[in-house]
Structures are given as structure tokens and as C-alpha cells.
Amino acid sequence: LPGGVRFETGRDNGASALWARTLARGTVSHDAATLSRLWDAMSGAAAGVAGRNSIGARAELLSRHFARGFDLFAELLREPAFPTAEVER
């Protein structure tokens, strides 16, 4: 999606990087530790990405876990929690 440093101002500088780093750190239903265990069980990972001109999200996992992985990835996008402890960290 359009985003990243190009769209930031002095007031919100770093917001894209913060979003990318905390996206996969919790959802309404799962905390960071649980998400980590779920992705590990699928030999996968998910993360937000932020660049100069865009922001996005990516996931990698074994194809045999596609259905479960897709659901979990969709949860990250639909219901991110951005837990205070993770944002402060």
C-alpha cells in the first residue's frame, strides 16, 4: 500500500516502521508468544514491512499449512492489537 517514509511528516516520523514492527506482535485473539508458536508450528513467519514509498505485510509458511496460515495472516490484517507493551518495547 502507499505509505512509508515518503508519507511521514516531522510529527509522525517513524510511524510506518513502528506499524511494521508491531503488526505481528498481537491480535485481538492471540498475544505475541502464541502467534510465534502458531507460526513456528507451520514452519512459517509473518511480518509487516515498511519502505520509503510503501507499507505491507508478508507471510511465509509451508504449503501444506496454507489454509491455517492464510486465516492467521488475515487475522493479523483484520484485528491487529498493537499491544502497549510491544509498542513501548
N, C-alpha and C. Protein backbone atom coordinates (compact mmCIF):
# COMPACT_ATOMS: atom_id res chain seq x y z
N LEU A 1 0.83 -1.17 0.00
CA LEU A 1 0.00 0.00 0.00
C LEU A 1 0.88 1.24 0.00
N PRO A 2 0.40 2.34 -0.53
CA PRO A 2 1.18 3.57 -0.42
C PRO A 2 1.40 3.91 1.04
N GLY A 3 2.60 4.29 1.38
CA GLY A 3 2.93 4.63 2.76
C GLY A 3 4.42 4.76 2.90
N GLY A 4 4.91 4.57 4.07
CA GLY A 4 6.33 4.64 4.30
C GLY A 4 6.82 6.04 4.57
N VAL A 5 8.12 6.21 4.54
CA VAL A 5 8.78 7.46 4.89
C VAL A 5 8.28 8.62 4.02
N ARG A 6 7.99 8.33 2.77
CA ARG A 6 7.54 9.38 1.84
C ARG A 6 6.28 10.10 2.36
N PHE A 7 5.44 9.39 3.08
CA PHE A 7 4.18 9.95 3.54
C PHE A 7 4.23 10.44 4.99
N GLU A 8 5.37 10.32 5.63
CA GLU A 8 5.50 10.75 7.01
C GLU A 8 5.92 12.22 7.09
N THR A 9 5.60 12.84 8.20
CA THR A 9 5.99 14.22 8.45
C THR A 9 6.90 14.23 9.68
N GLY A 10 7.38 15.39 10.04
CA GLY A 10 8.19 15.50 11.25
C GLY A 10 7.42 15.08 12.48
N ARG A 11 6.10 15.23 12.45
CA ARG A 11 5.26 14.88 13.61
C ARG A 11 5.09 13.38 13.77
N ASP A 12 5.01 12.65 12.66
CA ASP A 12 4.78 11.20 12.75
C ASP A 12 5.92 10.37 12.16
N ASN A 13 7.09 10.96 12.10
CA ASN A 13 8.25 10.25 11.57
C ASN A 13 8.48 8.95 12.32
N GLY A 14 8.61 7.86 11.59
CA GLY A 14 8.83 6.54 12.19
C GLY A 14 7.56 5.72 12.37
N ALA A 15 6.41 6.31 12.07
CA ALA A 15 5.14 5.59 12.26
C ALA A 15 5.06 4.33 11.40
N SER A 16 5.55 4.39 10.18
CA SER A 16 5.49 3.22 9.30
C SER A 16 6.35 2.09 9.84
N ALA A 17 7.54 2.43 10.31
CA ALA A 17 8.42 1.41 10.88
C ALA A 17 7.82 0.81 12.14
N LEU A 18 7.21 1.65 12.97
CA LEU A 18 6.56 1.15 14.19
C LEU A 18 5.42 0.21 13.82
N TRP A 19 4.60 0.59 12.86
CA TRP A 19 3.50 -0.25 12.40
C TRP A 19 4.04 -1.61 11.93
N ALA A 20 5.08 -1.57 11.11
CA ALA A 20 5.64 -2.81 10.56
C ALA A 20 6.21 -3.71 11.66
N ARG A 21 6.87 -3.13 12.63
CA ARG A 21 7.50 -3.92 13.69
C ARG A 21 6.50 -4.50 14.68
N THR A 22 5.35 -3.87 14.83
CA THR A 22 4.40 -4.34 15.83
C THR A 22 3.18 -5.05 15.25
N LEU A 23 3.02 -5.05 13.94
CA LEU A 23 1.85 -5.68 13.33
C LEU A 23 1.67 -7.13 13.77
N ALA A 24 2.73 -7.90 13.74
CA ALA A 24 2.64 -9.34 14.05
C ALA A 24 2.88 -9.64 15.52
N ARG A 25 2.81 -8.65 16.38
CA ARG A 25 3.07 -8.85 17.81
C ARG A 25 1.82 -9.07 18.64
N GLY A 26 0.69 -9.21 17.99
CA GLY A 26 -0.52 -9.50 18.74
C GLY A 26 -1.76 -9.15 17.96
N THR A 27 -2.79 -9.93 18.20
CA THR A 27 -4.11 -9.66 17.63
C THR A 27 -5.10 -9.63 18.77
N VAL A 28 -6.34 -9.39 18.45
CA VAL A 28 -7.38 -9.39 19.48
C VAL A 28 -7.46 -10.76 20.15
N SER A 29 -7.19 -11.82 19.39
CA SER A 29 -7.33 -13.19 19.90
C SER A 29 -6.03 -13.86 20.35
N HIS A 30 -4.88 -13.36 19.90
CA HIS A 30 -3.60 -14.03 20.20
C HIS A 30 -2.54 -13.01 20.61
N ASP A 31 -1.79 -13.34 21.67
CA ASP A 31 -0.68 -12.48 22.05
C ASP A 31 0.56 -12.86 21.23
N ALA A 32 1.65 -12.11 21.42
CA ALA A 32 2.86 -12.32 20.63
C ALA A 32 3.43 -13.73 20.80
N ALA A 33 3.46 -14.24 22.02
CA ALA A 33 4.01 -15.58 22.26
C ALA A 33 3.19 -16.66 21.56
N THR A 34 1.88 -16.53 21.61
CA THR A 34 1.00 -17.50 20.96
C THR A 34 1.17 -17.44 19.45
N LEU A 35 1.21 -16.23 18.90
CA LEU A 35 1.42 -16.09 17.45
C LEU A 35 2.74 -16.73 17.03
N SER A 36 3.76 -16.50 17.81
CA SER A 36 5.07 -17.09 17.50
C SER A 36 5.00 -18.61 17.47
N ARG A 37 4.34 -19.19 18.46
CA ARG A 37 4.21 -20.65 18.50
C ARG A 37 3.39 -21.17 17.30
N LEU A 38 2.32 -20.47 16.95
CA LEU A 38 1.49 -20.90 15.82
C LEU A 38 2.26 -20.84 14.51
N TRP A 39 3.00 -19.75 14.29
CA TRP A 39 3.80 -19.65 13.06
C TRP A 39 4.92 -20.70 13.06
N ASP A 40 5.55 -20.92 14.19
CA ASP A 40 6.60 -21.95 14.27
C ASP A 40 6.04 -23.33 13.94
N ALA A 41 4.84 -23.63 14.39
CA ALA A 41 4.23 -24.93 14.12
C ALA A 41 3.98 -25.13 12.62
N MET A 42 3.86 -24.03 11.88
CA MET A 42 3.67 -24.12 10.44
C MET A 42 4.99 -23.89 9.69
N SER A 43 6.09 -23.86 10.43
CA SER A 43 7.41 -23.54 9.85
C SER A 43 7.33 -22.25 9.07
N GLY A 44 6.69 -21.26 9.66
CA GLY A 44 6.48 -20.01 8.95
C GLY A 44 6.72 -18.79 9.80
N ALA A 45 6.44 -17.65 9.20
CA ALA A 45 6.59 -16.37 9.87
C ALA A 45 5.73 -15.34 9.15
N ALA A 46 5.39 -14.30 9.86
CA ALA A 46 4.66 -13.17 9.28
C ALA A 46 5.24 -11.89 9.84
N ALA A 47 5.18 -10.83 9.04
CA ALA A 47 5.72 -9.55 9.49
C ALA A 47 5.15 -8.42 8.65
N GLY A 48 5.18 -7.25 9.23
CA GLY A 48 4.88 -6.05 8.48
C GLY A 48 6.15 -5.58 7.81
N VAL A 49 6.02 -4.84 6.74
CA VAL A 49 7.17 -4.27 6.04
C VAL A 49 6.89 -2.80 5.75
N ALA A 50 7.90 -1.99 5.87
CA ALA A 50 7.77 -0.57 5.58
C ALA A 50 9.01 -0.11 4.83
N GLY A 51 8.79 0.65 3.80
CA GLY A 51 9.89 1.17 3.00
C GLY A 51 9.77 2.66 2.83
N ARG A 52 10.38 3.15 1.79
CA ARG A 52 10.34 4.59 1.52
C ARG A 52 8.99 5.03 0.97
N ASN A 53 8.38 4.17 0.15
CA ASN A 53 7.16 4.56 -0.54
C ASN A 53 5.96 3.67 -0.25
N SER A 54 6.14 2.66 0.56
CA SER A 54 5.04 1.72 0.76
C SER A 54 5.13 1.01 2.10
N ILE A 55 3.99 0.45 2.49
CA ILE A 55 3.92 -0.43 3.64
C ILE A 55 3.17 -1.68 3.20
N GLY A 56 3.40 -2.77 3.88
CA GLY A 56 2.72 -4.01 3.53
C GLY A 56 2.93 -5.06 4.59
N ALA A 57 2.50 -6.24 4.28
CA ALA A 57 2.65 -7.37 5.19
C ALA A 57 3.00 -8.59 4.35
N ARG A 58 3.72 -9.52 4.96
CA ARG A 58 4.10 -10.74 4.25
C ARG A 58 4.03 -11.92 5.20
N ALA A 59 3.85 -13.08 4.62
CA ALA A 59 3.86 -14.32 5.39
C ALA A 59 4.53 -15.39 4.55
N GLU A 60 5.25 -16.26 5.22
CA GLU A 60 5.88 -17.42 4.59
C GLU A 60 5.57 -18.63 5.45
N LEU A 61 5.20 -19.73 4.80
CA LEU A 61 4.92 -20.97 5.51
C LEU A 61 4.91 -22.12 4.53
N LEU A 62 4.92 -23.32 5.06
CA LEU A 62 4.86 -24.50 4.21
C LEU A 62 3.49 -24.58 3.54
N SER A 63 3.46 -24.99 2.30
CA SER A 63 2.21 -25.01 1.53
C SER A 63 1.15 -25.91 2.17
N ARG A 64 1.56 -26.94 2.85
CA ARG A 64 0.56 -27.83 3.46
C ARG A 64 -0.21 -27.14 4.59
N HIS A 65 0.29 -26.00 5.05
CA HIS A 65 -0.39 -25.24 6.10
C HIS A 65 -1.06 -23.98 5.55
N PHE A 66 -1.27 -23.95 4.24
CA PHE A 66 -1.77 -22.73 3.62
C PHE A 66 -3.08 -22.24 4.23
N ALA A 67 -4.06 -23.10 4.38
CA ALA A 67 -5.37 -22.67 4.87
C ALA A 67 -5.26 -22.04 6.26
N ARG A 68 -4.60 -22.71 7.18
CA ARG A 68 -4.45 -22.18 8.54
C ARG A 68 -3.60 -20.91 8.53
N GLY A 69 -2.53 -20.93 7.75
CA GLY A 69 -1.66 -19.76 7.67
C GLY A 69 -2.37 -18.55 7.08
N PHE A 70 -3.17 -18.78 6.06
CA PHE A 70 -3.92 -17.68 5.46
C PHE A 70 -4.90 -17.08 6.47
N ASP A 71 -5.58 -17.93 7.21
CA ASP A 71 -6.50 -17.45 8.24
C ASP A 71 -5.77 -16.62 9.30
N LEU A 72 -4.62 -17.10 9.73
CA LEU A 72 -3.85 -16.38 10.75
C LEU A 72 -3.32 -15.06 10.19
N PHE A 73 -2.87 -15.07 8.96
CA PHE A 73 -2.39 -13.85 8.31
C PHE A 73 -3.53 -12.84 8.17
N ALA A 74 -4.69 -13.31 7.77
CA ALA A 74 -5.86 -12.43 7.66
C ALA A 74 -6.22 -11.84 9.01
N GLU A 75 -6.07 -12.63 10.07
CA GLU A 75 -6.33 -12.12 11.42
C GLU A 75 -5.38 -10.97 11.76
N LEU A 76 -4.12 -11.11 11.37
CA LEU A 76 -3.16 -10.03 11.61
C LEU A 76 -3.60 -8.74 10.94
N LEU A 77 -4.14 -8.86 9.75
CA LEU A 77 -4.55 -7.68 9.00
C LEU A 77 -5.88 -7.11 9.47
N ARG A 78 -6.79 -7.97 9.87
CA ARG A 78 -8.13 -7.53 10.28
C ARG A 78 -8.20 -7.08 11.73
N GLU A 79 -7.43 -7.72 12.60
CA GLU A 79 -7.57 -7.50 14.05
C GLU A 79 -6.24 -7.29 14.76
N PRO A 80 -5.37 -6.42 14.24
CA PRO A 80 -4.11 -6.21 14.97
C PRO A 80 -4.40 -5.52 16.30
N ALA A 81 -3.66 -5.90 17.32
CA ALA A 81 -3.90 -5.33 18.66
C ALA A 81 -2.91 -4.21 19.00
N PHE A 82 -1.73 -4.24 18.41
CA PHE A 82 -0.68 -3.30 18.75
C PHE A 82 -0.60 -3.12 20.27
N PRO A 83 -0.29 -4.23 20.97
CA PRO A 83 -0.26 -4.18 22.44
C PRO A 83 0.70 -3.11 22.96
N THR A 84 0.29 -2.42 23.98
CA THR A 84 1.08 -1.32 24.54
C THR A 84 2.50 -1.77 24.88
N ALA A 85 2.65 -2.91 25.51
CA ALA A 85 3.98 -3.40 25.89
C ALA A 85 4.88 -3.59 24.67
N GLU A 86 4.31 -4.08 23.58
CA GLU A 86 5.09 -4.29 22.36
C GLU A 86 5.44 -2.96 21.69
N VAL A 87 4.52 -2.03 21.70
CA VAL A 87 4.79 -0.70 21.12
C VAL A 87 5.88 0.01 21.91
N GLU A 88 5.78 -0.04 23.24
CA GLU A 88 6.79 0.62 24.07
C GLU A 88 8.16 -0.04 23.91
N ARG A 89 8.17 -1.35 23.73
CA ARG A 89 9.44 -2.07 23.55
C ARG A 89 10.11 -1.61 22.29
